[in-house]
Amino acid sequence: MDARRIEWASLSRYRGVLMGIAIIMIVLFHVALPRSSAFFGLKRMGNMGVDIFFFLSGIGLWFAWTKRPEVLHFYRRRLLRILPAWLLASTAFYLPDYLGPRRFSSSLPDLIGDITVNWDFWIHDELTFWYIPATLMLYLWAPWFMRLVMRNRWWSLLPVLMMAWCVAVQYLPPVHHTVGHIEIFWSRVPIFFIGIVAGQWVKEQYALPRAALPVVAVTALLTLALCIALEQTAHGRFPIFLERMLYIPLTLAATLWLCHYLHCLPQRVAAALSFVGGISLEIYLLHCHFILKYIEPLALGYWPTALLCLAITIPLAWLIHQLLNVVIKLLRL
């Protein structure tokens, strides 16, 4: 690594570490904390972990696509990674609910839709596992965007129009009434496709001169400070879409800035974060609705609750990851 430059390739080099950081941010975000806490605004920034995931996912997809640009192969690889863990978690969550109180799945077709693609997210913004249907939809669109970019790189500017679409979703009544209930999805679409565009720069090993580092740092710090201030002082009094638009420059600047210094991280810490990043899907599916919901009633306090949740979730996530790898290998046979 050249300390004199900001290397886009470092986003690939430290991808596992960044994913580990992102999933820990998401777990911390889901742990309840009173609004009166001085940490509340910063804790809410864990929401940005989702944007980091989508950004890094886009980068990884560009590498996968340029290696073998076949749509069916692309879909198969993505589904094999997501569906086994998702179907296990969704069945464990929705089936008992259907057999009991039916708070989520009101009928057998509804149950099947929830277990397979979490269709209640698209119908009425049921957010239990919203990241999964959102990811599947983005994976469905990704090959066609990458085909466009490979034919004409000017299509790389399309995420700018996606940001304009987000404004329309929030503020144009006909659009808002039709698809505004899934704003949480639309506002994450631009960063995913920006990730795909950035995948080109990562693969081609583009670099910014060291003189750009202060600009990157200022961008990260100012957007972070603004988001924290909004959450700390005005939470619930502004459209969350506005903050999610700030996540776009914040995600870009913060990941580049972090990567420039991650080589200073102790090797064991980097390895631990990479390990956590490697099982981030399983951690996401497990932590909130299978573990945290049983810990929070104990009223242990924010940090003990968060640490206990991570201590229980990570080993279980690793075990499930290992078992599912065996299943995936059998399916590939």
Protein backbone atom coordinates (compact mmCIF):
# COMPACT_ATOMS: atom_id res chain seq x y z
CA MET A 1 0.00 0.00 0.00
CA ASP A 2 1.27 3.44 -1.00
CA ALA A 3 0.73 5.83 1.93
CA ARG A 4 1.19 8.74 -0.45
CA ARG A 5 -2.07 7.97 -2.25
CA ILE A 6 -5.66 6.98 -1.46
CA GLU A 7 -6.05 3.68 -3.24
CA TRP A 8 -9.51 2.54 -4.34
CA ALA A 9 -8.12 -1.01 -4.29
CA SER A 10 -7.94 -0.77 -0.49
CA LEU A 11 -11.74 -1.11 -0.47
CA SER A 12 -11.26 -4.62 -1.81
CA ARG A 13 -8.21 -5.33 0.36
CA TYR A 14 -10.08 -4.45 3.57
CA ARG A 15 -13.55 -5.52 2.47
CA GLY A 16 -13.87 -8.12 5.22
CA VAL A 17 -12.79 -5.65 7.91
CA LEU A 18 -15.27 -3.04 6.68
CA MET A 19 -18.08 -5.61 6.63
CA GLY A 20 -17.21 -6.58 10.18
CA ILE A 21 -17.37 -2.96 11.27
CA ALA A 22 -20.66 -2.47 9.40
CA ILE A 23 -22.47 -5.42 11.00
CA ILE A 24 -21.33 -4.37 14.48
CA MET A 25 -22.70 -0.90 13.71
CA ILE A 26 -26.04 -2.45 12.77
CA VAL A 27 -26.22 -4.50 15.97
CA LEU A 28 -25.44 -1.39 18.05
CA PHE A 29 -28.13 0.50 16.12
CA HIS A 30 -30.78 -2.08 17.03
CA VAL A 31 -30.07 -2.02 20.76
CA ALA A 32 -32.53 0.32 22.48
CA LEU A 33 -31.21 3.54 24.01
CA PRO A 34 -33.15 6.47 25.53
CA ARG A 35 -33.23 9.62 23.42
CA SER A 36 -31.95 11.54 26.44
CA SER A 37 -28.59 9.76 26.17
CA ALA A 38 -25.68 11.83 24.85
CA PHE A 39 -24.74 8.77 22.78
CA PHE A 40 -28.13 8.57 21.03
CA GLY A 41 -27.15 10.50 17.88
CA LEU A 42 -23.96 8.50 17.38
CA LYS A 43 -25.74 5.22 18.08
CA ARG A 44 -28.27 6.05 15.37
CA MET A 45 -25.40 6.23 12.89
CA GLY A 46 -25.27 2.45 13.03
CA ASN A 47 -28.04 2.68 10.45
CA MET A 48 -25.31 3.60 7.96
CA GLY A 49 -23.92 0.07 8.26
CA VAL A 50 -26.55 -0.95 5.71
CA ASP A 51 -25.21 1.61 3.23
CA ILE A 52 -21.69 0.31 3.73
CA PHE A 53 -22.91 -3.21 2.96
CA PHE A 54 -24.68 -2.13 -0.21
CA PHE A 55 -21.64 -0.12 -1.33
CA LEU A 56 -19.21 -3.00 -0.77
CA SER A 57 -21.65 -5.45 -2.32
CA GLY A 58 -21.77 -3.36 -5.48
CA ILE A 59 -17.97 -3.37 -5.68
CA GLY A 60 -17.87 -7.15 -5.29
CA LEU A 61 -20.52 -7.65 -7.96
CA TRP A 62 -18.46 -5.76 -10.53
CA PHE A 63 -15.55 -8.13 -9.92
CA ALA A 64 -17.83 -11.17 -10.19
CA TRP A 65 -19.51 -9.89 -13.36
CA THR A 66 -16.32 -8.97 -15.22
CA LYS A 67 -14.88 -12.38 -14.38
CA ARG A 68 -17.87 -14.22 -15.86
CA PRO A 69 -20.56 -11.96 -17.39
CA GLU A 70 -23.37 -14.52 -17.58
CA VAL A 71 -26.73 -13.55 -16.11
CA LEU A 72 -27.89 -17.02 -15.04
CA HIS A 73 -24.54 -17.85 -13.46
CA PHE A 74 -24.61 -14.49 -11.67
CA TYR A 75 -28.09 -15.10 -10.26
CA ARG A 76 -27.23 -18.65 -9.20
CA ARG A 77 -24.15 -17.58 -7.25
CA ARG A 78 -26.01 -14.78 -5.48
CA LEU A 79 -28.99 -16.96 -4.58
CA LEU A 80 -26.78 -19.75 -3.25
CA ARG A 81 -25.18 -17.28 -0.86
CA ILE A 82 -28.40 -15.69 0.41
CA LEU A 83 -31.29 -18.16 0.13
CA PRO A 84 -30.16 -21.01 2.43
CA ALA A 85 -29.58 -18.68 5.39
CA TRP A 86 -32.64 -16.61 4.54
CA LEU A 87 -35.03 -19.57 4.19
CA LEU A 88 -33.81 -21.03 7.48
CA ALA A 89 -34.31 -17.73 9.34
CA SER A 90 -37.59 -16.79 7.65
CA THR A 91 -39.12 -20.23 8.31
CA ALA A 92 -38.02 -20.12 11.96
CA PHE A 93 -39.58 -16.67 12.33
CA TYR A 94 -42.74 -16.70 10.23
CA LEU A 95 -43.95 -20.29 10.65
CA PRO A 96 -44.38 -20.12 14.45
CA ASP A 97 -46.13 -16.77 14.00
CA TYR A 98 -48.50 -18.27 11.43
CA LEU A 99 -49.28 -21.19 13.75
CA GLY A 100 -49.80 -18.76 16.64
CA PRO A 101 -50.79 -15.07 16.79
CA ARG A 102 -50.48 -14.38 13.02
CA ARG A 103 -49.08 -10.88 13.50
CA PHE A 104 -47.19 -11.12 10.21
CA SER A 105 -48.60 -13.92 8.03
CA SER A 106 -52.38 -13.88 7.94
CA SER A 107 -52.92 -16.73 5.45
CA LEU A 108 -51.06 -19.63 3.86
CA PRO A 109 -50.25 -17.69 0.65
CA ASP A 110 -49.06 -14.80 2.84
CA LEU A 111 -46.86 -17.21 4.81
CA ILE A 112 -45.32 -18.61 1.62
CA GLY A 113 -44.68 -15.09 0.31
CA ASP A 114 -43.08 -14.01 3.58
CA ILE A 115 -40.83 -17.06 3.84
CA THR A 116 -39.64 -16.99 0.24
CA VAL A 117 -39.24 -13.29 -0.62
CA ASN A 118 -40.64 -11.39 2.39
CA TRP A 119 -43.30 -9.93 0.11
CA ASP A 120 -44.98 -7.99 2.92
CA PHE A 121 -42.06 -5.59 2.73
CA TRP A 122 -43.06 -4.63 -0.80
CA ILE A 123 -46.79 -4.60 -0.02
CA HIS A 124 -46.90 -2.60 3.21
CA ASP A 125 -43.33 -1.93 4.35
CA GLU A 126 -42.98 -4.76 6.86
CA LEU A 127 -39.42 -4.14 8.03
CA THR A 128 -38.65 -7.32 9.97
CA PHE A 129 -36.01 -8.54 7.49
CA TRP A 130 -36.27 -5.78 4.89
CA TYR A 131 -32.60 -5.98 3.90
CA ILE A 132 -33.11 -9.41 2.28
CA PRO A 133 -35.87 -8.53 -0.24
CA ALA A 134 -34.08 -5.26 -0.95
CA THR A 135 -30.84 -7.11 -1.67
CA LEU A 136 -32.57 -9.67 -3.88
CA MET A 137 -34.19 -6.89 -5.91
CA LEU A 138 -30.88 -5.07 -6.36
CA TYR A 139 -29.20 -8.32 -7.43
CA LEU A 140 -31.98 -8.77 -9.98
CA TRP A 141 -31.23 -5.35 -11.50
CA ALA A 142 -27.44 -5.39 -11.21
CA PRO A 143 -26.45 -7.45 -14.29
CA TRP A 144 -28.43 -5.21 -16.62
CA PHE A 145 -26.82 -2.07 -15.20
CA MET A 146 -23.37 -3.64 -15.52
CA ARG A 147 -24.10 -4.57 -19.13
CA LEU A 148 -24.97 -0.94 -19.85
CA VAL A 149 -21.80 0.33 -18.20
CA MET A 150 -19.60 -2.14 -20.08
CA ARG A 151 -21.08 -0.95 -23.36
CA ASN A 152 -20.97 2.73 -22.53
CA ARG A 153 -19.28 4.07 -19.38
CA TRP A 154 -21.42 7.18 -19.42
CA TRP A 155 -24.17 4.99 -17.90
CA SER A 156 -22.04 5.16 -14.75
CA LEU A 157 -23.79 8.48 -14.11
CA LEU A 158 -27.16 6.73 -13.70
CA PRO A 159 -26.93 6.70 -9.85
CA VAL A 160 -27.26 10.51 -10.00
CA LEU A 161 -30.69 10.07 -11.58
CA MET A 162 -31.47 7.47 -8.92
CA MET A 163 -30.90 10.16 -6.31
CA ALA A 164 -33.33 12.39 -8.20
CA TRP A 165 -35.84 9.52 -8.11
CA CYS A 166 -35.45 9.41 -4.31
CA VAL A 167 -36.48 13.07 -4.17
CA ALA A 168 -39.52 12.26 -6.32
CA VAL A 169 -40.47 9.37 -4.03
CA GLN A 170 -40.38 11.68 -1.02
CA TYR A 171 -41.97 14.83 -2.41
CA LEU A 172 -44.13 14.11 -5.50
CA PRO A 173 -47.56 13.02 -4.19
CA PRO A 174 -48.45 10.51 -6.96
CA VAL A 175 -45.08 8.78 -6.65
CA HIS A 176 -45.05 8.97 -2.86
CA HIS A 177 -48.52 7.48 -2.55
CA THR A 178 -47.58 4.61 -4.87
CA VAL A 179 -44.10 3.59 -3.73
CA GLY A 180 -43.27 5.91 -0.84
CA HIS A 181 -43.91 3.17 1.72
CA ILE A 182 -40.62 1.53 0.68
CA GLU A 183 -38.54 4.72 0.87
CA ILE A 184 -36.04 2.79 3.00
CA PHE A 185 -35.29 0.76 -0.14
CA TRP A 186 -35.22 3.58 -2.69
CA SER A 187 -32.85 5.69 -0.63
CA ARG A 188 -30.32 2.82 -0.61
CA VAL A 189 -30.47 2.16 -4.36
CA PRO A 190 -27.97 4.92 -5.34
CA ILE A 191 -25.18 3.76 -3.01
CA PHE A 192 -25.48 0.19 -4.31
CA PHE A 193 -25.04 1.25 -7.92
CA ILE A 194 -22.33 3.73 -6.95
CA GLY A 195 -20.60 0.68 -5.49
CA ILE A 196 -20.80 -1.06 -8.86
CA VAL A 197 -19.30 2.02 -10.54
CA ALA A 198 -16.59 2.17 -7.87
CA GLY A 199 -15.86 -1.49 -8.62
CA GLN A 200 -14.35 -0.35 -11.91
CA TRP A 201 -12.01 2.04 -10.10
CA VAL A 202 -11.08 -0.63 -7.56
CA LYS A 203 -10.34 -3.23 -10.21
CA GLU A 204 -8.34 -0.80 -12.33
CA GLN A 205 -6.48 0.33 -9.18
CA TYR A 206 -7.28 4.00 -9.46
CA ALA A 207 -5.83 6.21 -6.75
CA LEU A 208 -6.32 9.71 -5.45
CA PRO A 209 -3.26 11.85 -4.67
CA ARG A 210 -2.39 12.40 -1.02
CA ALA A 211 -3.55 15.99 -1.41
CA ALA A 212 -7.11 14.63 -1.66
CA LEU A 213 -6.94 13.10 1.83
CA PRO A 214 -7.92 16.30 3.71
CA VAL A 215 -10.93 16.72 1.39
CA VAL A 216 -12.00 13.12 1.97
CA ALA A 217 -11.54 13.52 5.73
CA VAL A 218 -13.47 16.81 5.89
CA THR A 219 -16.31 15.30 3.83
CA ALA A 220 -16.53 12.31 6.17
CA LEU A 221 -16.36 14.37 9.36
CA LEU A 222 -18.79 17.09 8.29
CA THR A 223 -21.46 14.72 6.98
CA LEU A 224 -21.04 12.52 10.08
CA ALA A 225 -21.35 15.53 12.38
CA LEU A 226 -24.45 16.75 10.53
CA CYS A 227 -26.13 13.34 10.74
CA ILE A 228 -25.35 13.02 14.45
CA ALA A 229 -26.66 16.52 15.12
CA LEU A 230 -29.89 15.81 13.23
CA GLU A 231 -30.47 12.60 15.18
CA GLN A 232 -29.50 14.07 18.55
CA THR A 233 -31.55 17.25 18.30
CA ALA A 234 -34.31 16.64 15.75
CA HIS A 235 -34.97 12.89 15.61
CA GLY A 236 -38.44 12.24 14.20
CA ARG A 237 -38.91 15.83 13.07
CA PHE A 238 -37.43 15.56 9.57
CA PRO A 239 -37.84 13.09 6.69
CA ILE A 240 -35.33 10.30 7.31
CA PHE A 241 -34.80 10.30 3.53
CA LEU A 242 -32.76 13.51 3.92
CA GLU A 243 -30.32 11.86 6.29
CA ARG A 244 -30.03 8.81 4.05
CA MET A 245 -29.00 11.08 1.20
CA LEU A 246 -26.20 12.34 3.47
CA TYR A 247 -25.17 8.71 4.00
CA ILE A 248 -24.07 8.57 0.35
CA PRO A 249 -21.11 11.01 0.56
CA LEU A 250 -20.49 9.85 4.13
CA THR A 251 -20.20 6.19 3.09
CA LEU A 252 -17.87 7.01 0.19
CA ALA A 253 -15.63 9.32 2.19
CA ALA A 254 -15.61 7.32 5.42
CA THR A 255 -14.75 3.98 3.81
CA LEU A 256 -11.94 5.50 1.74
CA TRP A 257 -10.59 7.38 4.75
CA LEU A 258 -10.77 4.32 7.01
CA CYS A 259 -9.07 2.10 4.44
CA HIS A 260 -6.18 4.52 4.20
CA TYR A 261 -5.36 3.82 7.86
CA LEU A 262 -6.55 0.24 8.38
CA HIS A 263 -3.04 -1.05 7.76
CA CYS A 264 -2.24 0.36 11.22
CA LEU A 265 -4.83 -1.94 12.80
CA PRO A 266 -3.32 -4.79 14.87
CA GLN A 267 -3.37 -7.98 12.83
CA ARG A 268 -5.50 -9.87 15.35
CA VAL A 269 -8.11 -7.10 15.43
CA ALA A 270 -8.26 -6.99 11.62
CA ALA A 271 -8.58 -10.80 11.51
CA ALA A 272 -11.39 -10.74 14.08
CA LEU A 273 -13.29 -8.06 12.16
CA SER A 274 -12.82 -9.99 8.90
CA PHE A 275 -14.14 -13.12 10.60
CA VAL A 276 -17.23 -11.23 11.78
CA GLY A 277 -17.64 -9.73 8.30
CA GLY A 278 -17.55 -13.20 6.76
CA ILE A 279 -20.64 -14.26 8.73
CA SER A 280 -22.40 -10.88 8.58
CA LEU A 281 -25.47 -12.26 6.76
CA GLU A 282 -26.10 -14.81 9.48
CA ILE A 283 -25.47 -12.21 12.20
CA TYR A 284 -27.99 -9.88 10.57
CA LEU A 285 -30.65 -12.59 10.39
CA LEU A 286 -30.12 -13.80 13.95
CA HIS A 287 -29.31 -10.90 16.21
CA CYS A 288 -32.46 -8.80 16.34
CA HIS A 289 -35.45 -11.16 16.25
CA PHE A 290 -33.94 -14.31 17.74
CA ILE A 291 -31.53 -13.02 20.40
CA LEU A 292 -31.84 -9.32 21.18
CA LYS A 293 -35.59 -9.53 21.83
CA TYR A 294 -34.91 -11.94 24.69
CA ILE A 295 -32.00 -9.97 26.17
CA GLU A 296 -33.47 -6.46 26.23
CA PRO A 297 -36.23 -7.31 28.77
CA LEU A 298 -33.41 -8.05 31.26
CA ALA A 299 -32.70 -4.29 31.34
CA LEU A 300 -28.95 -4.74 31.59
CA GLY A 301 -28.12 -1.37 30.09
CA TYR A 302 -27.00 -0.44 26.59
CA TRP A 303 -23.42 -1.73 26.45
CA PRO A 304 -23.95 -4.96 28.43
CA THR A 305 -26.95 -5.74 26.22
CA ALA A 306 -25.01 -5.04 23.03
CA LEU A 307 -21.97 -7.05 24.10
CA LEU A 308 -24.06 -9.99 25.29
CA CYS A 309 -26.01 -9.96 22.03
CA LEU A 310 -22.78 -10.07 20.03
CA ALA A 311 -21.28 -12.76 22.29
CA ILE A 312 -24.28 -15.04 21.70
CA THR A 313 -24.93 -14.16 18.06
CA ILE A 314 -21.42 -14.54 16.63
CA PRO A 315 -20.84 -18.21 17.62
CA LEU A 316 -24.36 -19.18 16.52
CA ALA A 317 -23.92 -17.32 13.24
CA TRP A 318 -20.62 -19.12 12.63
CA LEU A 319 -22.19 -22.51 13.35
CA ILE A 320 -25.09 -21.85 10.98
CA HIS A 321 -22.67 -20.53 8.35
CA GLN A 322 -20.63 -23.74 8.55
CA LEU A 323 -23.69 -25.98 8.34
CA LEU A 324 -25.10 -24.05 5.41
CA ASN A 325 -21.78 -24.28 3.59
CA VAL A 326 -22.14 -28.06 3.72
CA VAL A 327 -25.66 -27.77 2.32
CA ILE A 328 -24.50 -25.42 -0.46
CA LYS A 329 -21.70 -27.80 -1.44
CA LEU A 330 -24.23 -30.64 -1.67
CA LEU A 331 -26.53 -28.48 -3.81
CA ARG A 332 -23.66 -27.68 -6.18
CA LEU A 333 -23.07 -31.40 -6.64
